[in-house]
Amino acid sequence: MWGGASTLSTATLPNEKKSTNTSTRAYVLLRLAKGDPQRVAQVLRHKPGVLMADPLEGPHDVIMVVEAQGKQELADFTVNALSSVENMLENVRLMPIHS
């Protein structure tokens, strides 16, 4: 069972690389036409800027977390990672709101 919010914010998930303490992060949901979500996630994990990539059950096949020093670098890392995904039907990019 997960602990309180402070436990979640400092925990490193099993397939997550250590964060570089930058504040620009994007969450990307991928839907594939065909292919192996586990293999896609494995390839994405080795791309620059990708902190985490995991296969999913549900309407999306893979989730990827990308982090960078700034928005332009984040966009570059995201495009680079997505260019390696074959048979992608859709990607949804989500960026957190910082106040």
PDB file of N, CA and C in Angstrom:
ATOM      1  N   MET A   1       0.847  -1.178   0.000  1.00  0.00           N
ATOM      2  CA  MET A   1       0.000   0.000   0.000  1.00  0.00           C
ATOM      3  C   MET A   1       0.890   1.237   0.000  1.00  0.00           C
ATOM      4  N   TRP A   2       0.450   2.269  -0.734  1.00  0.00           N
ATOM      5  CA  TRP A   2       1.193   3.514  -0.810  1.00  0.00           C
ATOM      6  C   TRP A   2       1.046   4.298   0.473  1.00  0.00           C
ATOM      7  N   GLY A   3       2.090   5.030   0.810  1.00  0.00           N
ATOM      8  CA  GLY A   3       2.047   5.893   1.991  1.00  0.00           C
ATOM      9  C   GLY A   3       1.374   7.207   1.660  1.00  0.00           C
ATOM     10  N   GLY A   4       1.657   8.227   2.435  1.00  0.00           N
ATOM     11  CA  GLY A   4       1.086   9.547   2.228  1.00  0.00           C
ATOM     12  C   GLY A   4       1.663  10.227   1.004  1.00  0.00           C
ATOM     13  N   ALA A   5       1.204  11.431   0.735  1.00  0.00           N
ATOM     14  CA  ALA A   5       1.623  12.174  -0.447  1.00  0.00           C
ATOM     15  C   ALA A   5       3.134  12.392  -0.480  1.00  0.00           C
ATOM     16  N   SER A   6       3.747  12.606   0.668  1.00  0.00           N
ATOM     17  CA  SER A   6       5.193  12.840   0.666  1.00  0.00           C
ATOM     18  C   SER A   6       5.946  11.594   0.215  1.00  0.00           C
ATOM     19  N   THR A   7       5.417  10.416   0.510  1.00  0.00           N
ATOM     20  CA  THR A   7       6.049   9.181   0.062  1.00  0.00           C
ATOM     21  C   THR A   7       5.989   9.082  -1.452  1.00  0.00           C
ATOM     22  N   LEU A   8       4.860   9.422  -2.056  1.00  0.00           N
ATOM     23  CA  LEU A   8       4.722   9.352  -3.496  1.00  0.00           C
ATOM     24  C   LEU A   8       5.633  10.343  -4.202  1.00  0.00           C
ATOM     25  N   SER A   9       5.789  11.523  -3.660  1.00  0.00           N
ATOM     26  CA  SER A   9       6.563  12.541  -4.347  1.00  0.00           C
ATOM     27  C   SER A   9       8.058  12.245  -4.332  1.00  0.00           C
ATOM     28  N   THR A  10       8.526  11.440  -3.406  1.00  0.00           N
ATOM     29  CA  THR A  10       9.954  11.154  -3.346  1.00  0.00           C
ATOM     30  C   THR A  10      10.296   9.746  -3.811  1.00  0.00           C
ATOM     31  N   ALA A  11       9.298   8.913  -4.021  1.00  0.00           N
ATOM     32  CA  ALA A  11       9.546   7.531  -4.418  1.00  0.00           C
ATOM     33  C   ALA A  11       9.928   7.466  -5.889  1.00  0.00           C
ATOM     34  N   THR A  12      10.818   6.541  -6.235  1.00  0.00           N
ATOM     35  CA  THR A  12      11.142   6.254  -7.617  1.00  0.00           C
ATOM     36  C   THR A  12      10.430   4.965  -7.977  1.00  0.00           C
ATOM     37  N   LEU A  13       9.592   5.020  -8.993  1.00  0.00           N
ATOM     38  CA  LEU A  13       8.860   3.850  -9.431  1.00  0.00           C
ATOM     39  C   LEU A  13       9.825   2.864 -10.079  1.00  0.00           C
ATOM     40  N   PRO A  14       9.453   1.588 -10.184  1.00  0.00           N
ATOM     41  CA  PRO A  14      10.372   0.568 -10.678  1.00  0.00           C
ATOM     42  C   PRO A  14      11.023   0.878 -12.018  1.00  0.00           C
ATOM     43  N   ASN A  15      10.299   1.442 -12.978  1.00  0.00           N
ATOM     44  CA  ASN A  15      10.858   1.698 -14.301  1.00  0.00           C
ATOM     45  C   ASN A  15      11.172   3.164 -14.529  1.00  0.00           C
ATOM     46  N   GLU A  16      11.281   3.932 -13.464  1.00  0.00           N
ATOM     47  CA  GLU A  16      11.513   5.371 -13.586  1.00  0.00           C
ATOM     48  C   GLU A  16      12.970   5.692 -13.289  1.00  0.00           C
ATOM     49  N   LYS A  17      13.591   6.472 -14.193  1.00  0.00           N
ATOM     50  CA  LYS A  17      14.941   6.959 -13.956  1.00  0.00           C
ATOM     51  C   LYS A  17      14.883   8.068 -12.924  1.00  0.00           C
ATOM     52  N   LYS A  18      15.975   8.344 -12.282  1.00  0.00           N
ATOM     53  CA  LYS A  18      16.042   9.415 -11.290  1.00  0.00           C
ATOM     54  C   LYS A  18      15.862  10.768 -11.979  1.00  0.00           C
ATOM     55  N   SER A  19      15.007  11.610 -11.446  1.00  0.00           N
ATOM     56  CA  SER A  19      14.733  12.934 -11.998  1.00  0.00           C
ATOM     57  C   SER A  19      15.946  13.839 -11.840  1.00  0.00           C
ATOM     58  N   THR A  20      16.101  14.739 -12.801  1.00  0.00           N
ATOM     59  CA  THR A  20      17.213  15.689 -12.742  1.00  0.00           C
ATOM     60  C   THR A  20      16.793  16.985 -12.065  1.00  0.00           C
ATOM     61  N   ASN A  21      15.667  16.969 -11.340  1.00  0.00           N
ATOM     62  CA  ASN A  21      15.144  18.125 -10.617  1.00  0.00           C
ATOM     63  C   ASN A  21      14.810  19.296 -11.535  1.00  0.00           C
ATOM     64  N   THR A  22      14.458  19.015 -12.780  1.00  0.00           N
ATOM     65  CA  THR A  22      13.987  20.070 -13.661  1.00  0.00           C
ATOM     66  C   THR A  22      12.475  20.149 -13.542  1.00  0.00           C
ATOM     67  N   SER A  23      11.915  21.263 -13.975  1.00  0.00           N
ATOM     68  CA  SER A  23      10.488  21.444 -13.765  1.00  0.00           C
ATOM     69  C   SER A  23       9.662  21.243 -15.035  1.00  0.00           C
ATOM     70  N   THR A  24      10.307  20.921 -16.153  1.00  0.00           N
ATOM     71  CA  THR A  24       9.563  20.750 -17.392  1.00  0.00           C
ATOM     72  C   THR A  24       9.400  19.264 -17.681  1.00  0.00           C
ATOM     73  N   ARG A  25       8.158  18.811 -17.587  1.00  0.00           N
ATOM     74  CA  ARG A  25       7.869  17.389 -17.719  1.00  0.00           C
ATOM     75  C   ARG A  25       6.602  17.226 -18.555  1.00  0.00           C
ATOM     76  N   ALA A  26       6.544  16.170 -19.332  1.00  0.00           N
ATOM     77  CA  ALA A  26       5.342  15.854 -20.109  1.00  0.00           C
ATOM     78  C   ALA A  26       5.014  14.382 -19.934  1.00  0.00           C
ATOM     79  N   TYR A  27       3.732  14.100 -19.946  1.00  0.00           N
ATOM     80  CA  TYR A  27       3.219  12.736 -19.892  1.00  0.00           C
ATOM     81  C   TYR A  27       2.598  12.462 -21.257  1.00  0.00           C
ATOM     82  N   VAL A  28       2.988  11.358 -21.887  1.00  0.00           N
ATOM     83  CA  VAL A  28       2.514  11.064 -23.232  1.00  0.00           C
ATOM     84  C   VAL A  28       1.846   9.690 -23.235  1.00  0.00           C
ATOM     85  N   LEU A  29       0.601   9.655 -23.710  1.00  0.00           N
ATOM     86  CA  LEU A  29      -0.148   8.410 -23.855  1.00  0.00           C
ATOM     87  C   LEU A  29      -0.129   8.018 -25.328  1.00  0.00           C
ATOM     88  N   LEU A  30       0.190   6.747 -25.599  1.00  0.00           N
ATOM     89  CA  LEU A  30       0.289   6.277 -26.979  1.00  0.00           C
ATOM     90  C   LEU A  30      -0.730   5.177 -27.248  1.00  0.00           C
ATOM     91  N   ARG A  31      -1.317   5.232 -28.430  1.00  0.00           N
ATOM     92  CA  ARG A  31      -2.166   4.151 -28.908  1.00  0.00           C
ATOM     93  C   ARG A  31      -1.516   3.574 -30.151  1.00  0.00           C
ATOM     94  N   LEU A  32      -1.384   2.273 -30.208  1.00  0.00           N
ATOM     95  CA  LEU A  32      -0.728   1.611 -31.326  1.00  0.00           C
ATOM     96  C   LEU A  32      -1.754   0.908 -32.206  1.00  0.00           C
ATOM     97  N   ALA A  33      -1.509   0.899 -33.528  1.00  0.00           N
ATOM     98  CA  ALA A  33      -2.368   0.163 -34.455  1.00  0.00           C
ATOM     99  C   ALA A  33      -2.127  -1.326 -34.276  1.00  0.00           C
ATOM    100  N   LYS A  34      -0.886  -1.686 -34.122  1.00  0.00           N
ATOM    101  CA  LYS A  34      -0.483  -3.064 -33.860  1.00  0.00           C
ATOM    102  C   LYS A  34       0.919  -3.009 -33.279  1.00  0.00           C
ATOM    103  N   GLY A  35       1.385  -4.137 -32.820  1.00  0.00           N
ATOM    104  CA  GLY A  35       2.714  -4.168 -32.240  1.00  0.00           C
ATOM    105  C   GLY A  35       2.662  -4.552 -30.773  1.00  0.00           C
ATOM    106  N   ASP A  36       3.820  -4.624 -30.184  1.00  0.00           N
ATOM    107  CA  ASP A  36       3.973  -5.082 -28.812  1.00  0.00           C
ATOM    108  C   ASP A  36       4.228  -3.887 -27.894  1.00  0.00           C
ATOM    109  N   PRO A  37       3.246  -3.499 -27.066  1.00  0.00           N
ATOM    110  CA  PRO A  37       3.443  -2.360 -26.165  1.00  0.00           C
ATOM    111  C   PRO A  37       4.653  -2.518 -25.246  1.00  0.00           C
ATOM    112  N   GLN A  38       4.955  -3.741 -24.823  1.00  0.00           N
ATOM    113  CA  GLN A  38       6.116  -3.951 -23.953  1.00  0.00           C
ATOM    114  C   GLN A  38       7.406  -3.616 -24.697  1.00  0.00           C
ATOM    115  N   ARG A  39       7.487  -4.014 -25.945  1.00  0.00           N
ATOM    116  CA  ARG A  39       8.683  -3.729 -26.747  1.00  0.00           C
ATOM    117  C   ARG A  39       8.808  -2.222 -26.997  1.00  0.00           C
ATOM    118  N   VAL A  40       7.694  -1.574 -27.322  1.00  0.00           N
ATOM    119  CA  VAL A  40       7.704  -0.124 -27.551  1.00  0.00           C
ATOM    120  C   VAL A  40       8.182   0.598 -26.291  1.00  0.00           C
ATOM    121  N   ALA A  41       7.653   0.219 -25.134  1.00  0.00           N
ATOM    122  CA  ALA A  41       8.063   0.840 -23.875  1.00  0.00           C
ATOM    123  C   ALA A  41       9.548   0.624 -23.622  1.00  0.00           C
ATOM    124  N   GLN A  42      10.023  -0.568 -23.905  1.00  0.00           N
ATOM    125  CA  GLN A  42      11.444  -0.879 -23.695  1.00  0.00           C
ATOM    126  C   GLN A  42      12.328   0.020 -24.574  1.00  0.00           C
ATOM    127  N   VAL A  43      11.956   0.216 -25.817  1.00  0.00           N
ATOM    128  CA  VAL A  43      12.731   1.074 -26.718  1.00  0.00           C
ATOM    129  C   VAL A  43      12.693   2.529 -26.236  1.00  0.00           C
ATOM    130  N   LEU A  44      11.515   2.994 -25.838  1.00  0.00           N
ATOM    131  CA  LEU A  44      11.366   4.381 -25.387  1.00  0.00           C
ATOM    132  C   LEU A  44      12.205   4.683 -24.143  1.00  0.00           C
ATOM    133  N   ARG A  45      12.348   3.713 -23.251  1.00  0.00           N
ATOM    134  CA  ARG A  45      13.122   3.926 -22.012  1.00  0.00           C
ATOM    135  C   ARG A  45      14.564   4.320 -22.280  1.00  0.00           C
ATOM    136  N   HIS A  46      15.076   3.981 -23.450  1.00  0.00           N
ATOM    137  CA  HIS A  46      16.475   4.263 -23.777  1.00  0.00           C
ATOM    138  C   HIS A  46      16.657   5.567 -24.554  1.00  0.00           C
ATOM    139  N   LYS A  47      15.583   6.297 -24.775  1.00  0.00           N
ATOM    140  CA  LYS A  47      15.657   7.558 -25.507  1.00  0.00           C
ATOM    141  C   LYS A  47      16.037   8.694 -24.558  1.00  0.00           C
ATOM    142  N   PRO A  48      16.780   9.693 -25.052  1.00  0.00           N
ATOM    143  CA  PRO A  48      17.153  10.835 -24.212  1.00  0.00           C
ATOM    144  C   PRO A  48      15.924  11.541 -23.644  1.00  0.00           C
ATOM    145  N   GLY A  49      15.975  11.870 -22.366  1.00  0.00           N
ATOM    146  CA  GLY A  49      14.910  12.611 -21.711  1.00  0.00           C
ATOM    147  C   GLY A  49      13.762  11.775 -21.198  1.00  0.00           C
ATOM    148  N   VAL A  50      13.695  10.504 -21.576  1.00  0.00           N
ATOM    149  CA  VAL A  50      12.586   9.650 -21.140  1.00  0.00           C
ATOM    150  C   VAL A  50      12.887   9.112 -19.747  1.00  0.00           C
ATOM    151  N   LEU A  51      12.068   9.513 -18.779  1.00  0.00           N
ATOM    152  CA  LEU A  51      12.226   9.043 -17.399  1.00  0.00           C
ATOM    153  C   LEU A  51      11.588   7.681 -17.188  1.00  0.00           C
ATOM    154  N   MET A  52      10.468   7.460 -17.885  1.00  0.00           N
ATOM    155  CA  MET A  52       9.707   6.246 -17.662  1.00  0.00           C
ATOM    156  C   MET A  52       8.887   5.943 -18.909  1.00  0.00           C
ATOM    157  N   ALA A  53       8.725   4.675 -19.210  1.00  0.00           N
ATOM    158  CA  ALA A  53       7.815   4.227 -20.261  1.00  0.00           C
ATOM    159  C   ALA A  53       7.309   2.857 -19.848  1.00  0.00           C
ATOM    160  N   ASP A  54       6.004   2.705 -19.810  1.00  0.00           N
ATOM    161  CA  ASP A  54       5.398   1.444 -19.385  1.00  0.00           C
ATOM    162  C   ASP A  54       4.224   1.089 -20.274  1.00  0.00           C
ATOM    163  N   PRO A  55       4.043  -0.213 -20.549  1.00  0.00           N
ATOM    164  CA  PRO A  55       2.844  -0.653 -21.265  1.00  0.00           C
ATOM    165  C   PRO A  55       1.632  -0.526 -20.350  1.00  0.00           C
ATOM    166  N   LEU A  56       0.467  -0.309 -20.946  1.00  0.00           N
ATOM    167  CA  LEU A  56      -0.761  -0.114 -20.193  1.00  0.00           C
ATOM    168  C   LEU A  56      -1.845  -1.087 -20.641  1.00  0.00           C
ATOM    169  N   GLU A  57      -2.812  -1.293 -19.769  1.00  0.00           N
ATOM    170  CA  GLU A  57      -4.062  -1.938 -20.144  1.00  0.00           C
ATOM    171  C   GLU A  57      -5.083  -0.831 -20.272  1.00  0.00           C
ATOM    172  N   GLY A  58      -5.953  -0.919 -21.245  1.00  0.00           N
ATOM    173  CA  GLY A  58      -6.973   0.114 -21.423  1.00  0.00           C
ATOM    174  C   GLY A  58      -6.916   0.693 -22.817  1.00  0.00           C
ATOM    175  N   PRO A  59      -7.502   1.872 -23.009  1.00  0.00           N
ATOM    176  CA  PRO A  59      -7.577   2.448 -24.350  1.00  0.00           C
ATOM    177  C   PRO A  59      -6.228   2.892 -24.913  1.00  0.00           C
ATOM    178  N   HIS A  60      -5.253   3.162 -24.066  1.00  0.00           N
ATOM    179  CA  HIS A  60      -3.910   3.514 -24.520  1.00  0.00           C
ATOM    180  C   HIS A  60      -2.981   2.341 -24.239  1.00  0.00           C
ATOM    181  N   ASP A  61      -1.950   2.227 -25.068  1.00  0.00           N
ATOM    182  CA  ASP A  61      -1.052   1.074 -24.990  1.00  0.00           C
ATOM    183  C   ASP A  61       0.217   1.327 -24.186  1.00  0.00           C
ATOM    184  N   VAL A  62       0.686   2.575 -24.171  1.00  0.00           N
ATOM    185  CA  VAL A  62       1.955   2.910 -23.505  1.00  0.00           C
ATOM    186  C   VAL A  62       1.829   4.302 -22.889  1.00  0.00           C
ATOM    187  N   ILE A  63       2.437   4.482 -21.724  1.00  0.00           N
ATOM    188  CA  ILE A  63       2.605   5.815 -21.146  1.00  0.00           C
ATOM    189  C   ILE A  63       4.096   6.099 -21.057  1.00  0.00           C
ATOM    190  N   MET A  64       4.450   7.352 -21.363  1.00  0.00           N
ATOM    191  CA  MET A  64       5.851   7.766 -21.339  1.00  0.00           C
ATOM    192  C   MET A  64       5.928   9.086 -20.577  1.00  0.00           C
ATOM    193  N   VAL A  65       6.949   9.235 -19.747  1.00  0.00           N
ATOM    194  CA  VAL A  65       7.206  10.494 -19.043  1.00  0.00           C
ATOM    195  C   VAL A  65       8.534  11.033 -19.562  1.00  0.00           C
ATOM    196  N   VAL A  66       8.500  12.282 -20.034  1.00  0.00           N
ATOM    197  CA  VAL A  66       9.687  12.927 -20.586  1.00  0.00           C
ATOM    198  C   VAL A  66       9.987  14.161 -19.745  1.00  0.00           C
ATOM    199  N   GLU A  67      11.262  14.399 -19.478  1.00  0.00           N
ATOM    200  CA  GLU A  67      11.664  15.557 -18.687  1.00  0.00           C
ATOM    201  C   GLU A  67      12.866  16.229 -19.340  1.00  0.00           C
ATOM    202  N   ALA A  68      12.916  17.571 -19.255  1.00  0.00           N
ATOM    203  CA  ALA A  68      14.009  18.336 -19.860  1.00  0.00           C
ATOM    204  C   ALA A  68      14.211  19.647 -19.114  1.00  0.00           C
ATOM    205  N   GLN A  69      15.263  20.360 -19.482  1.00  0.00           N
ATOM    206  CA  GLN A  69      15.599  21.638 -18.846  1.00  0.00           C
ATOM    207  C   GLN A  69      14.624  22.741 -19.228  1.00  0.00           C
ATOM    208  N   GLY A  70      14.090  22.699 -20.424  1.00  0.00           N
ATOM    209  CA  GLY A  70      13.169  23.744 -20.883  1.00  0.00           C
ATOM    210  C   GLY A  70      12.171  23.179 -21.873  1.00  0.00           C
ATOM    211  N   LYS A  71      11.229  24.025 -22.293  1.00  0.00           N
ATOM    212  CA  LYS A  71      10.164  23.566 -23.185  1.00  0.00           C
ATOM    213  C   LYS A  71      10.677  23.130 -24.552  1.00  0.00           C
ATOM    214  N   GLN A  72      11.653  23.840 -25.116  1.00  0.00           N
ATOM    215  CA  GLN A  72      12.175  23.461 -26.429  1.00  0.00           C
ATOM    216  C   GLN A  72      12.875  22.108 -26.370  1.00  0.00           C
ATOM    217  N   GLU A  73      13.694  21.907 -25.332  1.00  0.00           N
ATOM    218  CA  GLU A  73      14.373  20.622 -25.175  1.00  0.00           C
ATOM    219  C   GLU A  73      13.355  19.509 -24.936  1.00  0.00           C
ATOM    220  N   LEU A  74      12.313  19.798 -24.175  1.00  0.00           N
ATOM    221  CA  LEU A  74      11.250  18.826 -23.930  1.00  0.00           C
ATOM    222  C   LEU A  74      10.579  18.435 -25.247  1.00  0.00           C
ATOM    223  N   ALA A  75      10.274  19.418 -26.071  1.00  0.00           N
ATOM    224  CA  ALA A  75       9.664  19.141 -27.375  1.00  0.00           C
ATOM    225  C   ALA A  75      10.593  18.298 -28.239  1.00  0.00           C
ATOM    226  N   ASP A  76      11.886  18.630 -28.242  1.00  0.00           N
ATOM    227  CA  ASP A  76      12.858  17.866 -29.030  1.00  0.00           C
ATOM    228  C   ASP A  76      12.944  16.426 -28.560  1.00  0.00           C
ATOM    229  N   PHE A  77      13.043  16.214 -27.247  1.00  0.00           N
ATOM    230  CA  PHE A  77      13.105  14.861 -26.694  1.00  0.00           C
ATOM    231  C   PHE A  77      11.844  14.066 -27.027  1.00  0.00           C
ATOM    232  N   THR A  78      10.690  14.719 -26.917  1.00  0.00           N
ATOM    233  CA  THR A  78       9.422  14.037 -27.170  1.00  0.00           C
ATOM    234  C   THR A  78       9.307  13.621 -28.633  1.00  0.00           C
ATOM    235  N   VAL A  79       9.614  14.536 -29.543  1.00  0.00           N
ATOM    236  CA  VAL A  79       9.550  14.225 -30.976  1.00  0.00           C
ATOM    237  C   VAL A  79      10.544  13.123 -31.323  1.00  0.00           C
ATOM    238  N   ASN A  80      11.743  13.193 -30.777  1.00  0.00           N
ATOM    239  CA  ASN A  80      12.750  12.165 -31.024  1.00  0.00           C
ATOM    240  C   ASN A  80      12.262  10.794 -30.560  1.00  0.00           C
ATOM    241  N   ALA A  81      11.712  10.730 -29.360  1.00  0.00           N
ATOM    242  CA  ALA A  81      11.225   9.451 -28.826  1.00  0.00           C
ATOM    243  C   ALA A  81      10.062   8.924 -29.658  1.00  0.00           C
ATOM    244  N   LEU A  82       9.116   9.791 -29.992  1.00  0.00           N
ATOM    245  CA  LEU A  82       7.940   9.353 -30.752  1.00  0.00           C
ATOM    246  C   LEU A  82       8.290   8.927 -32.167  1.00  0.00           C
ATOM    247  N   SER A  83       9.354   9.473 -32.738  1.00  0.00           N
ATOM    248  CA  SER A  83       9.747   9.100 -34.101  1.00  0.00           C
ATOM    249  C   SER A  83      10.212   7.648 -34.179  1.00  0.00           C
ATOM    250  N   SER A  84      10.540   7.053 -33.046  1.00  0.00           N
ATOM    251  CA  SER A  84      10.983   5.657 -33.040  1.00  0.00           C
ATOM    252  C   SER A  84       9.827   4.664 -32.910  1.00  0.00           C
ATOM    253  N   VAL A  85       8.596   5.168 -32.735  1.00  0.00           N
ATOM    254  CA  VAL A  85       7.436   4.295 -32.528  1.00  0.00           C
ATOM    255  C   VAL A  85       6.748   4.033 -33.861  1.00  0.00           C
ATOM    256  N   GLU A  86       6.751   2.757 -34.262  1.00  0.00           N
ATOM    257  CA  GLU A  86       6.061   2.367 -35.488  1.00  0.00           C
ATOM    258  C   GLU A  86       4.604   2.050 -35.178  1.00  0.00           C
ATOM    259  N   ASN A  87       3.755   2.217 -36.153  1.00  0.00           N
ATOM    260  CA  ASN A  87       2.335   1.860 -36.054  1.00  0.00           C
ATOM    261  C   ASN A  87       1.591   2.631 -34.961  1.00  0.00           C
ATOM    262  N   MET A  88       1.992   3.867 -34.706  1.00  0.00           N
ATOM    263  CA  MET A  88       1.306   4.681 -33.706  1.00  0.00           C
ATOM    264  C   MET A  88       0.057   5.296 -34.345  1.00  0.00           C
ATOM    265  N   LEU A  89      -1.085   5.097 -33.711  1.00  0.00           N
ATOM    266  CA  LEU A  89      -2.340   5.690 -34.172  1.00  0.00           C
ATOM    267  C   LEU A  89      -2.520   7.086 -33.615  1.00  0.00           C
ATOM    268  N   GLU A  90      -2.145   7.255 -32.348  1.00  0.00           N
ATOM    269  CA  GLU A  90      -2.448   8.497 -31.649  1.00  0.00           C
ATOM    270  C   GLU A  90      -1.463   8.692 -30.506  1.00  0.00           C
ATOM    271  N   ASN A  91      -1.159   9.963 -30.220  1.00  0.00           N
ATOM    272  CA  ASN A  91      -0.440  10.281 -28.993  1.00  0.00           C
ATOM    273  C   ASN A  91      -1.105  11.488 -28.367  1.00  0.00           C
ATOM    274  N   VAL A  92      -1.225  11.437 -27.059  1.00  0.00           N
ATOM    275  CA  VAL A  92      -1.821  12.526 -26.288  1.00  0.00           C
ATOM    276  C   VAL A  92      -0.732  13.038 -25.359  1.00  0.00           C
ATOM    277  N   ARG A  93      -0.383  14.313 -25.510  1.00  0.00           N
ATOM    278  CA  ARG A  93       0.672  14.908 -24.686  1.00  0.00           C
ATOM    279  C   ARG A  93       0.032  15.766 -23.614  1.00  0.00           C
ATOM    280  N   LEU A  94       0.416  15.501 -22.379  1.00  0.00           N
ATOM    281  CA  LEU A  94      -0.131  16.230 -21.232  1.00  0.00           C
ATOM    282  C   LEU A  94       1.010  16.893 -20.480  1.00  0.00           C
ATOM    283  N   MET A  95       0.828  18.163 -20.163  1.00  0.00           N
ATOM    284  CA  MET A  95       1.838  18.886 -19.385  1.00  0.00           C
ATOM    285  C   MET A  95       1.191  19.360 -18.100  1.00  0.00           C
ATOM    286  N   PRO A  96       1.873  19.183 -16.984  1.00  0.00           N
ATOM    287  CA  PRO A  96       1.319  19.646 -15.695  1.00  0.00           C
ATOM    288  C   PRO A  96       1.239  21.168 -15.638  1.00  0.00           C
ATOM    289  N   ILE A  97       0.292  21.645 -14.858  1.00  0.00           N
ATOM    290  CA  ILE A  97       0.146  23.071 -14.622  1.00  0.00           C
ATOM    291  C   ILE A  97       0.975  23.439 -13.417  1.00  0.00           C
ATOM    292  N   HIS A  98       1.848  24.413 -13.580  1.00  0.00           N
ATOM    293  CA  HIS A  98       2.673  24.876 -12.460  1.00  0.00           C
ATOM    294  C   HIS A  98       2.175  26.240 -12.030  1.00  0.00           C
ATOM    295  N   SER A  99       1.926  26.390 -10.731  1.00  0.00           N
ATOM    296  CA  SER A  99       1.443  27.692 -10.247  1.00  0.00           C
ATOM    297  C   SER A  99       2.528  28.435  -9.521  1.00  0.00           C
TER     298      SER A  99
END
